[in-house]
PDB file of all heavy atoms in Angstrom:
ATOM      1  N   ALA A   1     -70.952-247.925-106.156  1.00  0.00           N
ATOM      2  CA  ALA A   1     -70.485-247.307-107.395  1.00  0.00           C
ATOM      3  C   ALA A   1     -71.600-247.068-108.401  1.00  0.00           C
ATOM      4  O   ALA A   1     -71.597-246.060-109.117  1.00  0.00           O
ATOM      5  CB  ALA A   1     -69.406-248.183-108.035  1.00  0.00           C
ATOM      6  N   PHE A   2     -72.571-247.982-108.459  1.00  0.00           N
ATOM      7  CA  PHE A   2     -73.604-247.900-109.485  1.00  0.00           C
ATOM      8  C   PHE A   2     -74.990-247.596-108.940  1.00  0.00           C
ATOM      9  O   PHE A   2     -75.950-247.486-109.704  1.00  0.00           O
ATOM     10  CB  PHE A   2     -73.656-249.209-110.289  1.00  0.00           C
ATOM     11  CG  PHE A   2     -72.391-249.500-111.038  1.00  0.00           C
ATOM     12  CD1 PHE A   2     -71.473-250.408-110.532  1.00  0.00           C
ATOM     13  CD2 PHE A   2     -72.102-248.855-112.228  1.00  0.00           C
ATOM     14  CE1 PHE A   2     -70.290-250.681-111.200  1.00  0.00           C
ATOM     15  CE2 PHE A   2     -70.933-249.126-112.914  1.00  0.00           C
ATOM     16  CZ  PHE A   2     -70.015-250.036-112.398  1.00  0.00           C
ATOM     17  N   GLY A   3     -75.092-247.480-107.617  1.00  0.00           N
ATOM     18  CA  GLY A   3     -76.388-247.179-107.031  1.00  0.00           C
ATOM     19  C   GLY A   3     -76.748-245.712-107.169  1.00  0.00           C
ATOM     20  O   GLY A   3     -76.033-244.923-107.787  1.00  0.00           O
ATOM     21  N   ARG A   4     -77.858-245.359-106.549  1.00  0.00           N
ATOM     22  CA  ARG A   4     -78.348-243.991-106.631  1.00  0.00           C
ATOM     23  C   ARG A   4     -77.408-243.046-105.901  1.00  0.00           C
ATOM     24  O   ARG A   4     -77.003-243.300-104.779  1.00  0.00           O
ATOM     25  CB  ARG A   4     -79.743-243.896-106.013  1.00  0.00           C
ATOM     26  CG  ARG A   4     -80.391-242.512-106.166  1.00  0.00           C
ATOM     27  CD  ARG A   4     -81.710-242.479-105.426  1.00  0.00           C
ATOM     28  NE  ARG A   4     -82.636-243.478-105.949  1.00  0.00           N
ATOM     29  CZ  ARG A   4     -83.396-243.291-107.009  1.00  0.00           C
ATOM     30  NH1 ARG A   4     -83.338-242.139-107.661  1.00  0.00           N
ATOM     31  NH2 ARG A   4     -84.215-244.227-107.421  1.00  0.00           N
ATOM     32  N   ALA A   5     -77.051-241.959-106.562  1.00  0.00           N
ATOM     33  CA  ALA A   5     -76.236-240.943-105.912  1.00  0.00           C
ATOM     34  C   ALA A   5     -77.034-240.301-104.793  1.00  0.00           C
ATOM     35  O   ALA A   5     -78.245-240.129-104.892  1.00  0.00           O
ATOM     36  CB  ALA A   5     -75.800-239.877-106.921  1.00  0.00           C
ATOM     37  N   ARG A   6     -76.354-239.947-103.707  1.00  0.00           N
ATOM     38  CA  ARG A   6     -77.027-239.433-102.525  1.00  0.00           C
ATOM     39  C   ARG A   6     -77.089-237.914-102.574  1.00  0.00           C
ATOM     40  O   ARG A   6     -76.179-237.254-103.045  1.00  0.00           O
ATOM     41  CB  ARG A   6     -76.302-239.882-101.262  1.00  0.00           C
ATOM     42  CG  ARG A   6     -76.300-241.396-101.113  1.00  0.00           C
ATOM     43  CD  ARG A   6     -75.378-241.812 -99.999  1.00  0.00           C
ATOM     44  NE  ARG A   6     -75.333-243.264 -99.889  1.00  0.00           N
ATOM     45  CZ  ARG A   6     -76.111-243.980 -99.108  1.00  0.00           C
ATOM     46  NH1 ARG A   6     -76.996-243.375 -98.351  1.00  0.00           N
ATOM     47  NH2 ARG A   6     -76.025-245.284 -99.062  1.00  0.00           N
ATOM     48  N   THR A   7     -78.182-237.392-102.025  1.00  0.00           N
ATOM     49  CA  THR A   7     -78.335-235.947-101.893  1.00  0.00           C
ATOM     50  C   THR A   7     -78.412-235.601-100.433  1.00  0.00           C
ATOM     51  O   THR A   7     -78.475-236.467 -99.570  1.00  0.00           O
ATOM     52  CB  THR A   7     -79.609-235.458-102.603  1.00  0.00           C
ATOM     53  OG1 THR A   7     -80.735-236.113-102.009  1.00  0.00           O
ATOM     54  CG2 THR A   7     -79.559-235.778-104.084  1.00  0.00           C
ATOM     55  N   ASN A   8     -78.410-234.306-100.119  1.00  0.00           N
ATOM     56  CA  ASN A   8     -78.511-233.899 -98.720  1.00  0.00           C
ATOM     57  C   ASN A   8     -79.870-234.256 -98.151  1.00  0.00           C
ATOM     58  O   ASN A   8     -80.871-234.322 -98.844  1.00  0.00           O
ATOM     59  CB  ASN A   8     -78.274-232.391 -98.582  1.00  0.00           C
ATOM     60  CG  ASN A   8     -79.255-231.592 -99.411  1.00  0.00           C
ATOM     61  OD1 ASN A   8     -79.301-231.740-100.619  1.00  0.00           O
ATOM     62  ND2 ASN A   8     -80.023-230.750 -98.766  1.00  0.00           N
ATOM     63  N   SER A   9     -79.878-234.529 -96.825  1.00  0.00           N
ATOM     64  CA  SER A   9     -81.095-235.030 -96.196  1.00  0.00           C
ATOM     65  C   SER A   9     -82.224-234.014 -96.198  1.00  0.00           C
ATOM     66  O   SER A   9     -83.381-234.371 -96.066  1.00  0.00           O
ATOM     67  CB  SER A   9     -80.791-235.445 -94.744  1.00  0.00           C
ATOM     68  OG  SER A   9     -80.248-234.356 -94.029  1.00  0.00           O
ATOM     69  N   GLY A  10     -81.917-232.715 -96.362  1.00  0.00           N
ATOM     70  CA  GLY A  10     -82.967-231.719 -96.333  1.00  0.00           C
ATOM     71  C   GLY A  10     -83.449-231.306 -97.712  1.00  0.00           C
ATOM     72  O   GLY A  10     -84.215-230.370 -97.852  1.00  0.00           O
ATOM     73  N   ALA A  11     -82.986-232.004 -98.750  1.00  0.00           N
ATOM     74  CA  ALA A  11     -83.355-231.609-100.104  1.00  0.00           C
ATOM     75  C   ALA A  11     -84.767-232.051-100.447  1.00  0.00           C
ATOM     76  O   ALA A  11     -85.282-233.014 -99.907  1.00  0.00           O
ATOM     77  CB  ALA A  11     -82.371-232.226-101.101  1.00  0.00           C
ATOM     78  N   THR A  12     -85.366-231.365-101.387  1.00  0.00           N
ATOM     79  CA  THR A  12     -86.701-231.701-101.855  1.00  0.00           C
ATOM     80  C   THR A  12     -86.621-232.087-103.318  1.00  0.00           C
ATOM     81  O   THR A  12     -86.108-231.329-104.140  1.00  0.00           O
ATOM     82  CB  THR A  12     -87.635-230.487-101.719  1.00  0.00           C
ATOM     83  OG1 THR A  12     -87.669-230.105-100.341  1.00  0.00           O
ATOM     84  CG2 THR A  12     -89.027-230.843-102.203  1.00  0.00           C
ATOM     85  N   ALA A  13     -87.091-233.278-103.651  1.00  0.00           N
ATOM     86  CA  ALA A  13     -87.056-233.746-105.033  1.00  0.00           C
ATOM     87  C   ALA A  13     -88.199-233.113-105.811  1.00  0.00           C
ATOM     88  O   ALA A  13     -89.341-233.096-105.360  1.00  0.00           O
ATOM     89  CB  ALA A  13     -87.181-235.262-105.074  1.00  0.00           C
ATOM     90  N   ILE A  14     -87.890-232.558-106.979  1.00  0.00           N
ATOM     91  CA  ILE A  14     -88.903-231.941-107.831  1.00  0.00           C
ATOM     92  C   ILE A  14     -88.797-232.566-109.214  1.00  0.00           C
ATOM     93  O   ILE A  14     -87.727-232.592-109.809  1.00  0.00           O
ATOM     94  CB  ILE A  14     -88.695-230.417-107.943  1.00  0.00           C
ATOM     95  CG1 ILE A  14     -88.854-229.764-106.559  1.00  0.00           C
ATOM     96  CG2 ILE A  14     -89.658-229.812-108.936  1.00  0.00           C
ATOM     97  CD1 ILE A  14     -88.634-228.277-106.594  1.00  0.00           C
ATOM     98  N   THR A  15     -89.896-233.095-109.707  1.00  0.00           N
ATOM     99  CA  THR A  15     -89.925-233.717-111.010  1.00  0.00           C
ATOM    100  C   THR A  15     -90.550-232.771-112.025  1.00  0.00           C
ATOM    101  O   THR A  15     -91.657-232.284-111.812  1.00  0.00           O
ATOM    102  CB  THR A  15     -90.735-235.020-110.961  1.00  0.00           C
ATOM    103  OG1 THR A  15     -90.156-235.880-109.982  1.00  0.00           O
ATOM    104  CG2 THR A  15     -90.753-235.702-112.311  1.00  0.00           C
ATOM    105  N   VAL A  16     -89.823-232.523-113.105  1.00  0.00           N
ATOM    106  CA  VAL A  16     -90.303-231.634-114.152  1.00  0.00           C
ATOM    107  C   VAL A  16     -90.788-232.485-115.315  1.00  0.00           C
ATOM    108  O   VAL A  16     -90.019-233.241-115.905  1.00  0.00           O
ATOM    109  CB  VAL A  16     -89.181-230.685-114.620  1.00  0.00           C
ATOM    110  CG1 VAL A  16     -89.707-229.727-115.675  1.00  0.00           C
ATOM    111  CG2 VAL A  16     -88.610-229.925-113.431  1.00  0.00           C
ATOM    112  N   THR A  17     -92.082-232.400-115.650  1.00  0.00           N
ATOM    113  CA  THR A  17     -92.654-233.180-116.746  1.00  0.00           C
ATOM    114  C   THR A  17     -93.216-232.226-117.793  1.00  0.00           C
ATOM    115  O   THR A  17     -93.170-231.006-117.646  1.00  0.00           O
ATOM    116  CB  THR A  17     -93.784-234.083-116.227  1.00  0.00           C
ATOM    117  OG1 THR A  17     -94.862-233.270-115.781  1.00  0.00           O
ATOM    118  CG2 THR A  17     -93.297-234.939-115.067  1.00  0.00           C
ATOM    119  N   GLU A  18     -93.758-232.807-118.855  1.00  0.00           N
ATOM    120  CA  GLU A  18     -94.349-231.974-119.899  1.00  0.00           C
ATOM    121  C   GLU A  18     -95.558-231.213-119.389  1.00  0.00           C
ATOM    122  O   GLU A  18     -95.900-230.151-119.879  1.00  0.00           O
ATOM    123  CB  GLU A  18     -94.757-232.871-121.081  1.00  0.00           C
ATOM    124  CG  GLU A  18     -93.558-233.487-121.806  1.00  0.00           C
ATOM    125  CD  GLU A  18     -94.008-234.379-122.936  1.00  0.00           C
ATOM    126  OE1 GLU A  18     -95.204-234.716-122.956  1.00  0.00           O
ATOM    127  OE2 GLU A  18     -93.185-234.747-123.793  1.00  0.00           O
ATOM    128  N   ASP A  19     -96.244-231.764-118.388  1.00  0.00           N
ATOM    129  CA  ASP A  19     -97.452-231.137-117.875  1.00  0.00           C
ATOM    130  C   ASP A  19     -97.201-230.121-116.780  1.00  0.00           C
ATOM    131  O   ASP A  19     -98.107-229.416-116.368  1.00  0.00           O
ATOM    132  CB  ASP A  19     -98.403-232.208-117.333  1.00  0.00           C
ATOM    133  CG  ASP A  19     -98.792-233.202-118.416  1.00  0.00           C
ATOM    134  OD1 ASP A  19     -98.888-232.771-119.578  1.00  0.00           O
ATOM    135  OD2 ASP A  19     -98.983-234.386-118.084  1.00  0.00           O
ATOM    136  N   GLY A  20     -96.007-230.074-116.279  1.00  0.00           N
ATOM    137  CA  GLY A  20     -95.738-229.123-115.210  1.00  0.00           C
ATOM    138  C   GLY A  20     -94.735-229.673-114.225  1.00  0.00           C
ATOM    139  O   GLY A  20     -93.986-230.586-114.537  1.00  0.00           O
ATOM    140  N   VAL A  21     -94.771-229.105-113.027  1.00  0.00           N
ATOM    141  CA  VAL A  21     -93.827-229.461-111.988  1.00  0.00           C
ATOM    142  C   VAL A  21     -94.571-230.166-110.862  1.00  0.00           C
ATOM    143  O   VAL A  21     -95.563-229.651-110.372  1.00  0.00           O
ATOM    144  CB  VAL A  21     -93.113-228.206-111.443  1.00  0.00           C
ATOM    145  CG1 VAL A  21     -92.180-228.601-110.302  1.00  0.00           C
ATOM    146  CG2 VAL A  21     -92.344-227.518-112.559  1.00  0.00           C
ATOM    147  N   THR A  22     -94.100-231.343-110.481  1.00  0.00           N
ATOM    148  CA  THR A  22     -94.725-232.097-109.402  1.00  0.00           C
ATOM    149  C   THR A  22     -93.686-232.341-108.325  1.00  0.00           C
ATOM    150  O   THR A  22     -92.691-233.015-108.576  1.00  0.00           O
ATOM    151  CB  THR A  22     -95.268-233.448-109.905  1.00  0.00           C
ATOM    152  OG1 THR A  22     -96.158-233.183-110.973  1.00  0.00           O
ATOM    153  CG2 THR A  22     -95.975-234.182-108.777  1.00  0.00           C
ATOM    154  N   GLU A  23     -93.911-231.814-107.144  1.00  0.00           N
ATOM    155  CA  GLU A  23     -92.947-231.963-106.052  1.00  0.00           C
ATOM    156  C   GLU A  23     -93.084-233.340-105.423  1.00  0.00           C
ATOM    157  O   GLU A  23     -94.168-233.800-105.103  1.00  0.00           O
ATOM    158  CB  GLU A  23     -93.191-230.891-104.992  1.00  0.00           C
ATOM    159  CG  GLU A  23     -92.148-230.913-103.875  1.00  0.00           C
ATOM    160  CD  GLU A  23     -92.286-229.718-102.964  1.00  0.00           C
ATOM    161  OE1 GLU A  23     -92.668-228.644-103.463  1.00  0.00           O
ATOM    162  OE2 GLU A  23     -92.027-229.863-101.767  1.00  0.00           O
ATOM    163  N   GLY A  24     -91.926-234.013-105.274  1.00  0.00           N
ATOM    164  CA  GLY A  24     -91.904-235.306-104.607  1.00  0.00           C
ATOM    165  C   GLY A  24     -92.325-236.457-105.484  1.00  0.00           C
ATOM    166  O   GLY A  24     -92.454-237.576-105.008  1.00  0.00           O
ATOM    167  N   ALA A  25     -92.558-236.237-106.791  1.00  0.00           N
ATOM    168  CA  ALA A  25     -92.996-237.316-107.669  1.00  0.00           C
ATOM    169  C   ALA A  25     -91.817-238.203-108.030  1.00  0.00           C
ATOM    170  O   ALA A  25     -90.677-237.768-108.023  1.00  0.00           O
ATOM    171  CB  ALA A  25     -93.609-236.733-108.956  1.00  0.00           C
ATOM    172  N   PRO A  26     -92.054-239.457-108.373  1.00  0.00           N
ATOM    173  CA  PRO A  26     -90.956-240.346-108.757  1.00  0.00           C
ATOM    174  C   PRO A  26     -90.311-239.882-110.043  1.00  0.00           C
ATOM    175  O   PRO A  26     -90.940-239.284-110.901  1.00  0.00           O
ATOM    176  CB  PRO A  26     -91.642-241.703-108.919  1.00  0.00           C
ATOM    177  CG  PRO A  26     -93.089-241.388-109.138  1.00  0.00           C
ATOM    178  CD  PRO A  26     -93.362-240.139-108.368  1.00  0.00           C
ATOM    179  N   ALA A  27     -89.025-240.196-110.175  1.00  0.00           N
ATOM    180  CA  ALA A  27     -88.264-239.687-111.317  1.00  0.00           C
ATOM    181  C   ALA A  27     -88.312-240.605-112.517  1.00  0.00           C
ATOM    182  O   ALA A  27     -87.717-240.316-113.521  1.00  0.00           O
ATOM    183  CB  ALA A  27     -86.799-239.489-110.896  1.00  0.00           C
ATOM    184  N   VAL A  28     -89.016-241.725-112.437  1.00  0.00           N
ATOM    185  CA  VAL A  28     -88.972-242.701-113.510  1.00  0.00           C
ATOM    186  C   VAL A  28     -89.532-242.135-114.802  1.00  0.00           C
ATOM    187  O   VAL A  28     -88.956-242.277-115.876  1.00  0.00           O
ATOM    188  CB  VAL A  28     -89.757-243.968-113.112  1.00  0.00           C
ATOM    189  CG1 VAL A  28     -89.800-244.948-114.259  1.00  0.00           C
ATOM    190  CG2 VAL A  28     -89.127-244.584-111.866  1.00  0.00           C
ATOM    191  N   ALA A  29     -90.670-241.428-114.718  1.00  0.00           N
ATOM    192  CA  ALA A  29     -91.327-240.941-115.929  1.00  0.00           C
ATOM    193  C   ALA A  29     -91.001-239.482-116.197  1.00  0.00           C
ATOM    194  O   ALA A  29     -91.643-238.847-117.002  1.00  0.00           O
ATOM    195  CB  ALA A  29     -92.837-241.099-115.791  1.00  0.00           C
ATOM    196  N   ALA A  30     -90.008-238.958-115.537  1.00  0.00           N
ATOM    197  CA  ALA A  30     -89.732-237.534-115.645  1.00  0.00           C
ATOM    198  C   ALA A  30     -88.850-237.242-116.841  1.00  0.00           C
ATOM    199  O   ALA A  30     -88.039-238.042-117.258  1.00  0.00           O
ATOM    200  CB  ALA A  30     -89.040-237.040-114.380  1.00  0.00           C
ATOM    201  N   LYS A  31     -89.061-236.043-117.393  1.00  0.00           N
ATOM    202  CA  LYS A  31     -88.147-235.548-118.403  1.00  0.00           C
ATOM    203  C   LYS A  31     -86.819-235.168-117.760  1.00  0.00           C
ATOM    204  O   LYS A  31     -85.769-235.376-118.322  1.00  0.00           O
ATOM    205  CB  LYS A  31     -88.762-234.329-119.105  1.00  0.00           C
ATOM    206  CG  LYS A  31     -89.986-234.652-119.934  1.00  0.00           C
ATOM    207  CD  LYS A  31     -89.609-235.474-121.131  1.00  0.00           C
ATOM    208  CE  LYS A  31     -90.824-235.695-122.022  1.00  0.00           C
ATOM    209  NZ  LYS A  31     -90.500-236.511-123.187  1.00  0.00           N
ATOM    210  N   ALA A  32     -86.893-234.565-116.579  1.00  0.00           N
ATOM    211  CA  ALA A  32     -85.679-234.183-115.851  1.00  0.00           C
ATOM    212  C   ALA A  32     -86.038-234.109-114.381  1.00  0.00           C
ATOM    213  O   ALA A  32     -87.163-233.814-114.031  1.00  0.00           O
ATOM    214  CB  ALA A  32     -85.154-232.830-116.333  1.00  0.00           C
ATOM    215  N   THR A  33     -85.089-234.389-113.545  1.00  0.00           N
ATOM    216  CA  THR A  33     -85.305-234.310-112.109  1.00  0.00           C
ATOM    217  C   THR A  33     -84.249-233.407-111.514  1.00  0.00           C
ATOM    218  O   THR A  33     -83.071-233.549-111.803  1.00  0.00           O
ATOM    219  CB  THR A  33     -85.210-235.695-111.464  1.00  0.00           C
ATOM    220  OG1 THR A  33     -86.162-236.543-112.082  1.00  0.00           O
ATOM    221  CG2 THR A  33     -85.479-235.618-109.970  1.00  0.00           C
ATOM    222  N   VAL A  34     -84.691-232.467-110.673  1.00  0.00           N
ATOM    223  CA  VAL A  34     -83.751-231.552-110.048  1.00  0.00           C
ATOM    224  C   VAL A  34     -83.970-231.604-108.554  1.00  0.00           C
ATOM    225  O   VAL A  34     -84.977-232.105-108.076  1.00  0.00           O
ATOM    226  CB  VAL A  34     -83.954-230.102-110.550  1.00  0.00           C
ATOM    227  CG1 VAL A  34     -83.675-230.005-112.032  1.00  0.00           C
ATOM    228  CG2 VAL A  34     -85.363-229.605-110.237  1.00  0.00           C
ATOM    229  N   THR A  35     -83.000-231.109-107.804  1.00  0.00           N
ATOM    230  CA  THR A  35     -83.089-231.097-106.357  1.00  0.00           C
ATOM    231  C   THR A  35     -82.840-229.691-105.856  1.00  0.00           C
ATOM    232  O   THR A  35     -81.842-229.065-106.207  1.00  0.00           O
ATOM    233  CB  THR A  35     -82.046-232.038-105.745  1.00  0.00           C
ATOM    234  OG1 THR A  35     -82.297-233.347-106.240  1.00  0.00           O
ATOM    235  CG2 THR A  35     -82.133-232.028-104.226  1.00  0.00           C
ATOM    236  N   VAL A  36     -83.757-229.202-105.042  1.00  0.00           N
ATOM    237  CA  VAL A  36     -83.607-227.887-104.451  1.00  0.00           C
ATOM    238  C   VAL A  36     -83.037-228.062-103.059  1.00  0.00           C
ATOM    239  O   VAL A  36     -83.668-228.682-102.214  1.00  0.00           O
ATOM    240  CB  VAL A  36     -84.966-227.155-104.380  1.00  0.00           C
ATOM    241  CG1 VAL A  36     -84.777-225.782-103.737  1.00  0.00           C
ATOM    242  CG2 VAL A  36     -85.556-227.011-105.772  1.00  0.00           C
ATOM    243  N   GLY A  37     -81.818-227.535-102.818  1.00  0.00           N
ATOM    244  CA  GLY A  37     -81.172-227.687-101.521  1.00  0.00           C
ATOM    245  C   GLY A  37     -81.806-226.780-100.492  1.00  0.00           C
ATOM    246  O   GLY A  37     -82.470-225.797-100.809  1.00  0.00           O
ATOM    247  N   SER A  38     -81.553-227.110 -99.214  1.00  0.00           N
ATOM    248  CA  SER A  38     -82.122-226.325 -98.123  1.00  0.00           C
ATOM    249  C   SER A  38     -81.153-225.287 -97.632  1.00  0.00           C
ATOM    250  O   SER A  38     -81.434-224.112 -97.649  1.00  0.00           O
ATOM    251  CB  SER A  38     -82.528-227.259 -96.986  1.00  0.00           C
ATOM    252  OG  SER A  38     -81.446-228.078 -96.604  1.00  0.00           O
ATOM    253  N   SER A  39     -79.990-225.709 -97.146  1.00  0.00           N
ATOM    254  CA  SER A  39     -78.994-224.772 -96.658  1.00  0.00           C
ATOM    255  C   SER A  39     -77.667-225.477 -96.591  1.00  0.00           C
ATOM    256  O   SER A  39     -77.593-226.693 -96.578  1.00  0.00           O
ATOM    257  CB  SER A  39     -79.363-224.251 -95.267  1.00  0.00           C
ATOM    258  OG  SER A  39     -79.424-225.327 -94.360  1.00  0.00           O
ATOM    259  N   GLY A  40     -76.583-224.742 -96.511  1.00  0.00           N
ATOM    260  CA  GLY A  40     -75.258-225.333 -96.420  1.00  0.00           C
ATOM    261  C   GLY A  40     -74.291-224.597 -97.289  1.00  0.00           C
ATOM    262  O   GLY A  40     -74.615-223.605 -97.925  1.00  0.00           O
ATOM    263  N   SER A  41     -73.062-225.119 -97.358  1.00  0.00           N
ATOM    264  CA  SER A  41     -72.026-224.412 -98.079  1.00  0.00           C
ATOM    265  C   SER A  41     -71.540-225.158 -99.297  1.00  0.00           C
ATOM    266  O   SER A  41     -70.994-224.564-100.202  1.00  0.00           O
ATOM    267  CB  SER A  41     -70.832-224.160 -97.140  1.00  0.00           C
ATOM    268  OG  SER A  41     -70.367-225.390 -96.624  1.00  0.00           O
ATOM    269  N   GLY A  42     -71.665-226.459 -99.350  1.00  0.00           N
ATOM    270  CA  GLY A  42     -71.148-227.241-100.462  1.00  0.00           C
ATOM    271  C   GLY A  42     -72.240-227.583-101.439  1.00  0.00           C
ATOM    272  O   GLY A  42     -73.319-228.013-101.063  1.00  0.00           O
TER     273      GLY A  42
END
């Protein structure tokens, strides 16, 4: 219930910071974290 929400196995984590975009960086120091999906319907 309180753990990390799961994403699709083919997703790529992208961290957006004040300095730019870093792919695969940890989300702890990020301003926002987004996930770019690979393929699928849902």
